[in-house]
Amino acid sequence: MNADADTGLYKAPRTTVSQNQGKFRIHLNFPGRNHPTHDDHGYGPLATVVESFMDPDTLISMHQHRNEEIVSWVPAGVMRHGDRQGNDLVTDPDHLLVMNAGRGFWHEERTLADDPPLRMLQIFVRPHSLDLQPDIQHEPVPGPVANEWRHLFGPEGADAPVFVRNDVHLYDIRLDEGATGRLPSRDGYDTYFYVFEGAVETAGTRFEEAESGLLVDDRDLALTATADSLVVAFQVDPDAPITKQGTIGR
């Protein structure tokens, strides 16, 4: 981990926190740990960003989540969702899935034998209140435009395809090698970003695949791709009211 005091930028290497369940593997990224003096593994309402791998013909059997918002972001391939409400949903690059677990939501995930290997992000957001009404959202998202940020979710009422019940926004961008995109900014919010593919540079610091940055300053920073890259960025209100009783995110 390193920090740039002049820019308020804190870098973390690829996480070493992982679980291997054979055909299902996860790497857990904790945004709060980017900051050397932060006393919470999450950063405000953004609890955990999980890099998940599922081999073809994998079933994660029915299980419950409570008191967390779980967003499934699938940049390639498919993730198949079933739940006790009778939903049978396919999340892929054209759709985003949000489980607003609230007081309790049961679901399962699977891939079929002829599905490709899956690498995705599952994002855990702390809701503002406990035991909210459970719900699920599965919506199409706008097609990506090269070198432009795409707004994917935000709080209720935001101009985004789906919502979470706290003050977090998600954007993604596909940067061509040599292209530059300025990090999203919003008054009163900090920015956490994660390089899903490729490599970028900002403020004289290089970030490679699975490395992350936390910007706690309102400076206007740009990411320049040193290879074709796919990056996600979260705008987080660090002072938003939060709960910490989620099944996984906490």
C-alpha atoms as a PDB file:
ATOM      1  CA  MET A   1       0.000   0.000   0.000  1.00  0.00           C
ATOM      2  CA  ASN A   2       1.214   3.489  -0.702  1.00  0.00           C
ATOM      3  CA  ALA A   3      -0.168   7.010  -0.470  1.00  0.00           C
ATOM      4  CA  ASP A   4       0.326  10.353  -2.120  1.00  0.00           C
ATOM      5  CA  ALA A   5      -0.328  13.059   0.469  1.00  0.00           C
ATOM      6  CA  ASP A   6      -0.455  15.751  -2.196  1.00  0.00           C
ATOM      7  CA  THR A   7      -3.376  14.137  -4.021  1.00  0.00           C
ATOM      8  CA  GLY A   8      -5.124  12.216  -1.239  1.00  0.00           C
ATOM      9  CA  LEU A   9      -4.677   9.038  -3.304  1.00  0.00           C
ATOM     10  CA  TYR A  10      -4.178   5.691  -1.557  1.00  0.00           C
ATOM     11  CA  LYS A  11      -3.217   2.605  -3.542  1.00  0.00           C
ATOM     12  CA  ALA A  12      -3.686  -1.036  -2.542  1.00  0.00           C
ATOM     13  CA  PRO A  13      -2.232  -4.093  -4.305  1.00  0.00           C
ATOM     14  CA  ARG A  14      -4.324  -7.083  -5.251  1.00  0.00           C
ATOM     15  CA  THR A  15      -5.968  -8.396  -2.108  1.00  0.00           C
ATOM     16  CA  THR A  16      -4.538 -11.417  -0.320  1.00  0.00           C
ATOM     17  CA  VAL A  17      -7.913 -12.208   1.288  1.00  0.00           C
ATOM     18  CA  SER A  18      -9.403 -15.060  -0.703  1.00  0.00           C
ATOM     19  CA  GLN A  19     -11.469 -18.221  -0.462  1.00  0.00           C
ATOM     20  CA  ASN A  20     -11.107 -21.250  -2.714  1.00  0.00           C
ATOM     21  CA  GLN A  21     -14.113 -23.531  -2.972  1.00  0.00           C
ATOM     22  CA  GLY A  22     -12.850 -25.378  -6.022  1.00  0.00           C
ATOM     23  CA  LYS A  23     -15.124 -24.339  -8.885  1.00  0.00           C
ATOM     24  CA  PHE A  24     -16.021 -21.112  -7.060  1.00  0.00           C
ATOM     25  CA  ARG A  25     -13.278 -18.740  -5.917  1.00  0.00           C
ATOM     26  CA  ILE A  26     -13.391 -15.223  -4.505  1.00  0.00           C
ATOM     27  CA  HIS A  27     -10.963 -12.388  -3.712  1.00  0.00           C
ATOM     28  CA  LEU A  28     -12.305  -9.864  -1.212  1.00  0.00           C
ATOM     29  CA  ASN A  29     -11.346  -6.210  -1.604  1.00  0.00           C
ATOM     30  CA  PHE A  30     -11.971  -3.951   1.399  1.00  0.00           C
ATOM     31  CA  PRO A  31     -12.029  -0.271   0.345  1.00  0.00           C
ATOM     32  CA  GLY A  32     -11.368   1.048   3.855  1.00  0.00           C
ATOM     33  CA  ARG A  33      -8.063  -0.785   4.013  1.00  0.00           C
ATOM     34  CA  ASN A  34      -6.617   1.399   1.266  1.00  0.00           C
ATOM     35  CA  HIS A  35      -6.359   4.180   3.860  1.00  0.00           C
ATOM     36  CA  PRO A  36      -3.626   3.546   6.441  1.00  0.00           C
ATOM     37  CA  THR A  37      -5.473   5.192   9.355  1.00  0.00           C
ATOM     38  CA  HIS A  38      -9.033   4.113   8.549  1.00  0.00           C
ATOM     39  CA  ASP A  39     -10.465   1.874  11.298  1.00  0.00           C
ATOM     40  CA  ASP A  40     -13.103   0.091   9.198  1.00  0.00           C
ATOM     41  CA  HIS A  41     -12.561  -2.488   6.454  1.00  0.00           C
ATOM     42  CA  GLY A  42     -15.373  -0.832   4.500  1.00  0.00           C
ATOM     43  CA  TYR A  43     -15.436   2.772   3.401  1.00  0.00           C
ATOM     44  CA  GLY A  44     -18.684   4.347   4.520  1.00  0.00           C
ATOM     45  CA  PRO A  45     -21.551   2.462   2.860  1.00  0.00           C
ATOM     46  CA  LEU A  46     -19.248   0.570   0.456  1.00  0.00           C
ATOM     47  CA  ALA A  47     -18.468  -2.590   2.428  1.00  0.00           C
ATOM     48  CA  THR A  48     -16.725  -5.007   0.089  1.00  0.00           C
ATOM     49  CA  VAL A  49     -15.935  -5.457  -3.621  1.00  0.00           C
ATOM     50  CA  VAL A  50     -15.610  -9.176  -4.347  1.00  0.00           C
ATOM     51  CA  GLU A  51     -13.848 -10.526  -7.431  1.00  0.00           C
ATOM     52  CA  SER A  52     -15.670 -13.811  -8.095  1.00  0.00           C
ATOM     53  CA  PHE A  53     -14.760 -16.727 -10.359  1.00  0.00           C
ATOM     54  CA  MET A  54     -17.168 -19.505 -11.352  1.00  0.00           C
ATOM     55  CA  ASP A  55     -16.186 -22.421 -13.571  1.00  0.00           C
ATOM     56  CA  PRO A  56     -18.716 -23.856 -16.026  1.00  0.00           C
ATOM     57  CA  ASP A  57     -21.253 -26.217 -14.416  1.00  0.00           C
ATOM     58  CA  THR A  58     -21.064 -24.649 -10.957  1.00  0.00           C
ATOM     59  CA  LEU A  59     -23.928 -24.318  -8.460  1.00  0.00           C
ATOM     60  CA  ILE A  60     -23.893 -22.089  -5.380  1.00  0.00           C
ATOM     61  CA  SER A  61     -26.918 -23.524  -3.625  1.00  0.00           C
ATOM     62  CA  MET A  62     -29.791 -21.577  -2.101  1.00  0.00           C
ATOM     63  CA  HIS A  63     -28.669 -19.291   0.727  1.00  0.00           C
ATOM     64  CA  GLN A  64     -29.885 -16.183   2.503  1.00  0.00           C
ATOM     65  CA  HIS A  65     -28.604 -12.614   2.681  1.00  0.00           C
ATOM     66  CA  ARG A  66     -29.822 -10.023   5.156  1.00  0.00           C
ATOM     67  CA  ASN A  67     -29.288  -6.297   5.586  1.00  0.00           C
ATOM     68  CA  GLU A  68     -27.053  -5.686   2.601  1.00  0.00           C
ATOM     69  CA  GLU A  69     -27.408  -4.599  -1.031  1.00  0.00           C
ATOM     70  CA  ILE A  70     -25.646  -7.026  -3.405  1.00  0.00           C
ATOM     71  CA  VAL A  71     -24.862  -5.892  -6.948  1.00  0.00           C
ATOM     72  CA  SER A  72     -23.692  -8.358  -9.609  1.00  0.00           C
ATOM     73  CA  TRP A  73     -21.595  -6.770 -12.382  1.00  0.00           C
ATOM     74  CA  VAL A  74     -20.766  -9.195 -15.189  1.00  0.00           C
ATOM     75  CA  PRO A  75     -18.483  -7.731 -17.901  1.00  0.00           C
ATOM     76  CA  ALA A  76     -18.341 -10.995 -19.918  1.00  0.00           C
ATOM     77  CA  GLY A  77     -20.118 -14.334 -19.779  1.00  0.00           C
ATOM     78  CA  VAL A  78     -23.277 -15.091 -17.787  1.00  0.00           C
ATOM     79  CA  MET A  79     -24.328 -15.584 -14.173  1.00  0.00           C
ATOM     80  CA  ARG A  80     -27.651 -17.398 -13.648  1.00  0.00           C
ATOM     81  CA  HIS A  81     -29.780 -16.431 -10.647  1.00  0.00           C
ATOM     82  CA  GLY A  82     -32.718 -18.222  -9.059  1.00  0.00           C
ATOM     83  CA  ASP A  83     -34.628 -17.291  -5.893  1.00  0.00           C
ATOM     84  CA  ARG A  84     -37.555 -18.242  -3.698  1.00  0.00           C
ATOM     85  CA  GLN A  85     -39.684 -15.553  -5.369  1.00  0.00           C
ATOM     86  CA  GLY A  86     -39.623 -17.634  -8.558  1.00  0.00           C
ATOM     87  CA  ASN A  87     -37.202 -15.439 -10.505  1.00  0.00           C
ATOM     88  CA  ASP A  88     -34.958 -17.127 -13.059  1.00  0.00           C
ATOM     89  CA  LEU A  89     -32.606 -14.398 -14.303  1.00  0.00           C
ATOM     90  CA  VAL A  90     -29.502 -14.237 -16.483  1.00  0.00           C
ATOM     91  CA  THR A  91     -27.036 -11.450 -15.710  1.00  0.00           C
ATOM     92  CA  ASP A  92     -24.579 -10.654 -18.503  1.00  0.00           C
ATOM     93  CA  PRO A  93     -22.802  -7.588 -19.953  1.00  0.00           C
ATOM     94  CA  ASP A  94     -26.193  -6.134 -20.945  1.00  0.00           C
ATOM     95  CA  HIS A  95     -27.876  -6.433 -17.527  1.00  0.00           C
ATOM     96  CA  LEU A  96     -27.227  -5.549 -13.897  1.00  0.00           C
ATOM     97  CA  LEU A  97     -28.639  -7.455 -10.919  1.00  0.00           C
ATOM     98  CA  VAL A  98     -29.280  -5.915  -7.496  1.00  0.00           C
ATOM     99  CA  MET A  99     -30.573  -7.852  -4.510  1.00  0.00           C
ATOM    100  CA  ASN A 100     -31.875  -5.393  -1.945  1.00  0.00           C
ATOM    101  CA  ALA A 101     -31.771  -8.088   0.728  1.00  0.00           C
ATOM    102  CA  GLY A 102     -33.392  -6.139   3.538  1.00  0.00           C
ATOM    103  CA  ARG A 103     -34.788  -8.385   6.250  1.00  0.00           C
ATOM    104  CA  GLY A 104     -34.024 -11.493   4.204  1.00  0.00           C
ATOM    105  CA  PHE A 105     -33.635 -12.751   0.627  1.00  0.00           C
ATOM    106  CA  TRP A 106     -32.880 -16.341  -0.500  1.00  0.00           C
ATOM    107  CA  HIS A 107     -31.158 -17.050  -3.816  1.00  0.00           C
ATOM    108  CA  GLU A 108     -28.842 -19.372  -5.717  1.00  0.00           C
ATOM    109  CA  GLU A 109     -26.316 -18.816  -8.496  1.00  0.00           C
ATOM    110  CA  ARG A 110     -25.118 -21.174 -11.196  1.00  0.00           C
ATOM    111  CA  THR A 111     -23.359 -21.594 -14.488  1.00  0.00           C
ATOM    112  CA  LEU A 112     -24.200 -24.305 -17.002  1.00  0.00           C
ATOM    113  CA  ALA A 113     -21.750 -26.772 -18.515  1.00  0.00           C
ATOM    114  CA  ASP A 114     -21.643 -24.886 -21.816  1.00  0.00           C
ATOM    115  CA  ASP A 115     -21.290 -21.442 -20.222  1.00  0.00           C
ATOM    116  CA  PRO A 116     -17.846 -19.797 -20.398  1.00  0.00           C
ATOM    117  CA  PRO A 117     -15.687 -19.407 -17.283  1.00  0.00           C
ATOM    118  CA  LEU A 118     -16.993 -16.422 -15.340  1.00  0.00           C
ATOM    119  CA  ARG A 119     -15.081 -13.574 -13.698  1.00  0.00           C
ATOM    120  CA  MET A 120     -17.273 -10.842 -12.242  1.00  0.00           C
ATOM    121  CA  LEU A 121     -17.638  -8.402  -9.359  1.00  0.00           C
ATOM    122  CA  GLN A 122     -20.139  -8.732  -6.553  1.00  0.00           C
ATOM    123  CA  ILE A 123     -20.467  -5.463  -4.690  1.00  0.00           C
ATOM    124  CA  PHE A 124     -21.761  -5.286  -1.119  1.00  0.00           C
ATOM    125  CA  VAL A 125     -23.308  -2.005   0.016  1.00  0.00           C
ATOM    126  CA  ARG A 126     -24.388  -1.300   3.589  1.00  0.00           C
ATOM    127  CA  PRO A 127     -27.971  -0.016   3.645  1.00  0.00           C
ATOM    128  CA  HIS A 128     -28.917   3.066   5.619  1.00  0.00           C
ATOM    129  CA  SER A 129     -31.422   1.129   7.787  1.00  0.00           C
ATOM    130  CA  LEU A 130     -31.943  -2.408   9.070  1.00  0.00           C
ATOM    131  CA  ASP A 131     -34.641  -4.864   8.008  1.00  0.00           C
ATOM    132  CA  LEU A 132     -35.860  -2.969   4.952  1.00  0.00           C
ATOM    133  CA  GLN A 133     -38.330  -4.521   2.526  1.00  0.00           C
ATOM    134  CA  PRO A 134     -36.510  -7.159   0.412  1.00  0.00           C
ATOM    135  CA  ASP A 135     -36.555  -6.640  -3.335  1.00  0.00           C
ATOM    136  CA  ILE A 136     -34.703  -7.571  -6.500  1.00  0.00           C
ATOM    137  CA  GLN A 137     -33.846  -5.520  -9.591  1.00  0.00           C
ATOM    138  CA  HIS A 138     -32.678  -6.920 -12.921  1.00  0.00           C
ATOM    139  CA  GLU A 139     -32.435  -4.250 -15.574  1.00  0.00           C
ATOM    140  CA  PRO A 140     -30.760  -3.621 -18.925  1.00  0.00           C
ATOM    141  CA  VAL A 141     -27.877  -1.169 -18.904  1.00  0.00           C
ATOM    142  CA  PRO A 142     -26.810   1.228 -21.671  1.00  0.00           C
ATOM    143  CA  GLY A 143     -24.243  -0.117 -24.083  1.00  0.00           C
ATOM    144  CA  PRO A 144     -20.695   0.957 -23.293  1.00  0.00           C
ATOM    145  CA  VAL A 145     -19.119   3.824 -25.217  1.00  0.00           C
ATOM    146  CA  ALA A 146     -15.354   3.611 -25.540  1.00  0.00           C
ATOM    147  CA  ASN A 147     -13.468   5.975 -23.223  1.00  0.00           C
ATOM    148  CA  GLU A 148     -16.629   7.278 -21.511  1.00  0.00           C
ATOM    149  CA  TRP A 149     -17.880   6.549 -18.000  1.00  0.00           C
ATOM    150  CA  ARG A 150     -21.177   4.668 -17.756  1.00  0.00           C
ATOM    151  CA  HIS A 151     -23.411   5.284 -14.710  1.00  0.00           C
ATOM    152  CA  LEU A 152     -24.740   1.913 -13.510  1.00  0.00           C
ATOM    153  CA  PHE A 153     -26.259   2.398 -10.078  1.00  0.00           C
ATOM    154  CA  GLY A 154     -26.844   5.094  -7.506  1.00  0.00           C
ATOM    155  CA  PRO A 155     -29.041   5.857  -4.498  1.00  0.00           C
ATOM    156  CA  GLU A 156     -32.810   5.803  -4.859  1.00  0.00           C
ATOM    157  CA  GLY A 157     -33.868   8.586  -7.204  1.00  0.00           C
ATOM    158  CA  ALA A 158     -30.528   8.756  -9.045  1.00  0.00           C
ATOM    159  CA  ASP A 159     -30.408   8.777 -12.831  1.00  0.00           C
ATOM    160  CA  ALA A 160     -29.164   5.185 -13.109  1.00  0.00           C
ATOM    161  CA  PRO A 161     -30.703   1.882 -14.235  1.00  0.00           C
ATOM    162  CA  VAL A 162     -30.882   0.434 -10.686  1.00  0.00           C
ATOM    163  CA  PHE A 163     -30.509   1.681  -7.124  1.00  0.00           C
ATOM    164  CA  VAL A 164     -29.016   0.764  -3.774  1.00  0.00           C
ATOM    165  CA  ARG A 165     -30.307   2.017  -0.465  1.00  0.00           C
ATOM    166  CA  ASN A 166     -27.411   4.241   0.475  1.00  0.00           C
ATOM    167  CA  ASP A 167     -25.199   6.958  -0.972  1.00  0.00           C
ATOM    168  CA  VAL A 168     -22.991   5.022  -3.408  1.00  0.00           C
ATOM    169  CA  HIS A 169     -22.727   5.390  -7.193  1.00  0.00           C
ATOM    170  CA  LEU A 170     -21.044   2.932  -9.582  1.00  0.00           C
ATOM    171  CA  TYR A 171     -19.490   3.792 -12.943  1.00  0.00           C
ATOM    172  CA  ASP A 172     -17.437   1.753 -15.371  1.00  0.00           C
ATOM    173  CA  ILE A 173     -15.249   2.683 -18.325  1.00  0.00           C
ATOM    174  CA  ARG A 174     -13.451   0.854 -21.121  1.00  0.00           C
ATOM    175  CA  LEU A 175     -10.311   2.794 -21.937  1.00  0.00           C
ATOM    176  CA  ASP A 176      -8.353   2.211 -25.113  1.00  0.00           C
ATOM    177  CA  GLU A 177      -4.585   2.115 -24.706  1.00  0.00           C
ATOM    178  CA  GLY A 178      -3.356   5.710 -24.516  1.00  0.00           C
ATOM    179  CA  ALA A 179      -6.829   7.150 -23.784  1.00  0.00           C
ATOM    180  CA  THR A 180      -7.622   9.245 -20.713  1.00  0.00           C
ATOM    181  CA  GLY A 181     -10.770   9.443 -18.610  1.00  0.00           C
ATOM    182  CA  ARG A 182     -11.223  11.777 -15.651  1.00  0.00           C
ATOM    183  CA  LEU A 183     -12.430  10.102 -12.478  1.00  0.00           C
ATOM    184  CA  PRO A 184     -16.082  10.842 -11.701  1.00  0.00           C
ATOM    185  CA  SER A 185     -16.461  13.507  -9.031  1.00  0.00           C
ATOM    186  CA  ARG A 186     -19.336  14.654  -6.831  1.00  0.00           C
ATOM    187  CA  ASP A 187     -19.399  17.212  -4.007  1.00  0.00           C
ATOM    188  CA  GLY A 188     -19.021  15.548  -0.628  1.00  0.00           C
ATOM    189  CA  TYR A 189     -18.107  12.149  -2.078  1.00  0.00           C
ATOM    190  CA  ASP A 190     -14.815  10.241  -2.207  1.00  0.00           C
ATOM    191  CA  THR A 191     -13.875   7.842  -5.015  1.00  0.00           C
ATOM    192  CA  TYR A 192     -12.733   4.222  -4.876  1.00  0.00           C
ATOM    193  CA  PHE A 193     -11.651   2.632  -8.150  1.00  0.00           C
ATOM    194  CA  TYR A 194     -10.628  -0.882  -9.151  1.00  0.00           C
ATOM    195  CA  VAL A 195      -8.774  -1.973 -12.284  1.00  0.00           C
ATOM    196  CA  PHE A 196     -10.608  -5.047 -13.548  1.00  0.00           C
ATOM    197  CA  GLU A 197      -8.458  -5.433 -16.667  1.00  0.00           C
ATOM    198  CA  GLY A 198      -5.401  -3.685 -18.082  1.00  0.00           C
ATOM    199  CA  ALA A 199      -3.376  -0.941 -16.414  1.00  0.00           C
ATOM    200  CA  VAL A 200      -3.775   2.803 -15.830  1.00  0.00           C
ATOM    201  CA  GLU A 201      -1.707   5.669 -14.482  1.00  0.00           C
ATOM    202  CA  THR A 202      -2.839   8.652 -12.444  1.00  0.00           C
ATOM    203  CA  ALA A 203      -0.960  11.248 -10.389  1.00  0.00           C
ATOM    204  CA  GLY A 204       2.300   9.490 -11.274  1.00  0.00           C
ATOM    205  CA  THR A 205       1.109   6.144  -9.881  1.00  0.00           C
ATOM    206  CA  ARG A 206       0.521   2.990 -11.910  1.00  0.00           C
ATOM    207  CA  PHE A 207      -2.398   0.662 -11.154  1.00  0.00           C
ATOM    208  CA  GLU A 208      -2.440  -2.801 -12.694  1.00  0.00           C
ATOM    209  CA  GLU A 209      -5.135  -5.467 -12.888  1.00  0.00           C
ATOM    210  CA  ALA A 210      -6.887  -6.100  -9.532  1.00  0.00           C
ATOM    211  CA  GLU A 211      -5.208  -3.101  -7.865  1.00  0.00           C
ATOM    212  CA  SER A 212      -7.320  -0.320  -6.417  1.00  0.00           C
ATOM    213  CA  GLY A 213      -7.168   3.336  -5.465  1.00  0.00           C
ATOM    214  CA  LEU A 214      -9.010   5.486  -2.943  1.00  0.00           C
ATOM    215  CA  LEU A 215      -9.194   9.224  -3.575  1.00  0.00           C
ATOM    216  CA  VAL A 216     -10.192  11.198  -0.479  1.00  0.00           C
ATOM    217  CA  ASP A 217      -9.515  14.600  -1.932  1.00  0.00           C
ATOM    218  CA  ASP A 218     -11.746  16.610  -4.261  1.00  0.00           C
ATOM    219  CA  ARG A 219      -8.936  17.012  -6.780  1.00  0.00           C
ATOM    220  CA  ASP A 220      -9.712  16.319 -10.412  1.00  0.00           C
ATOM    221  CA  LEU A 221      -7.666  13.265 -11.381  1.00  0.00           C
ATOM    222  CA  ALA A 222      -7.421  11.566 -14.760  1.00  0.00           C
ATOM    223  CA  LEU A 223      -6.735   7.908 -15.519  1.00  0.00           C
ATOM    224  CA  THR A 224      -4.576   7.206 -18.572  1.00  0.00           C
ATOM    225  CA  ALA A 225      -4.600   3.654 -19.899  1.00  0.00           C
ATOM    226  CA  THR A 226      -1.214   2.093 -20.606  1.00  0.00           C
ATOM    227  CA  ALA A 227      -3.055  -0.924 -22.083  1.00  0.00           C
ATOM    228  CA  ASP A 228      -6.656  -1.534 -23.085  1.00  0.00           C
ATOM    229  CA  SER A 229      -8.371  -1.358 -19.694  1.00  0.00           C
ATOM    230  CA  LEU A 230     -11.660  -1.864 -17.883  1.00  0.00           C
ATOM    231  CA  VAL A 231     -12.087   0.126 -14.665  1.00  0.00           C
ATOM    232  CA  VAL A 232     -14.915   0.539 -12.171  1.00  0.00           C
ATOM    233  CA  ALA A 233     -15.252   3.594  -9.939  1.00  0.00           C
ATOM    234  CA  PHE A 234     -17.433   4.094  -6.886  1.00  0.00           C
ATOM    235  CA  GLN A 235     -18.428   7.488  -5.583  1.00  0.00           C
ATOM    236  CA  VAL A 236     -19.039   7.107  -1.851  1.00  0.00           C
ATOM    237  CA  ASP A 237     -20.412   9.519   0.725  1.00  0.00           C
ATOM    238  CA  PRO A 238     -18.103   8.699   3.659  1.00  0.00           C
ATOM    239  CA  ASP A 239     -20.494  10.364   6.117  1.00  0.00           C
ATOM    240  CA  ALA A 240     -23.656   8.550   5.055  1.00  0.00           C
ATOM    241  CA  PRO A 241     -25.521   6.721   7.851  1.00  0.00           C
ATOM    242  CA  ILE A 242     -24.723   3.013   7.666  1.00  0.00           C
ATOM    243  CA  THR A 243     -25.641  -0.314   9.204  1.00  0.00           C
ATOM    244  CA  LYS A 244     -23.139  -3.131   9.774  1.00  0.00           C
ATOM    245  CA  GLN A 245     -25.229  -6.276  10.079  1.00  0.00           C
ATOM    246  CA  GLY A 246     -25.016  -7.636   6.545  1.00  0.00           C
ATOM    247  CA  THR A 247     -24.586 -11.386   6.030  1.00  0.00           C
ATOM    248  CA  ILE A 248     -21.269 -10.891   4.205  1.00  0.00           C
ATOM    249  CA  GLY A 249     -20.509  -7.185   3.730  1.00  0.00           C
ATOM    250  CA  ARG A 250     -21.069  -5.939   7.285  1.00  0.00           C
END
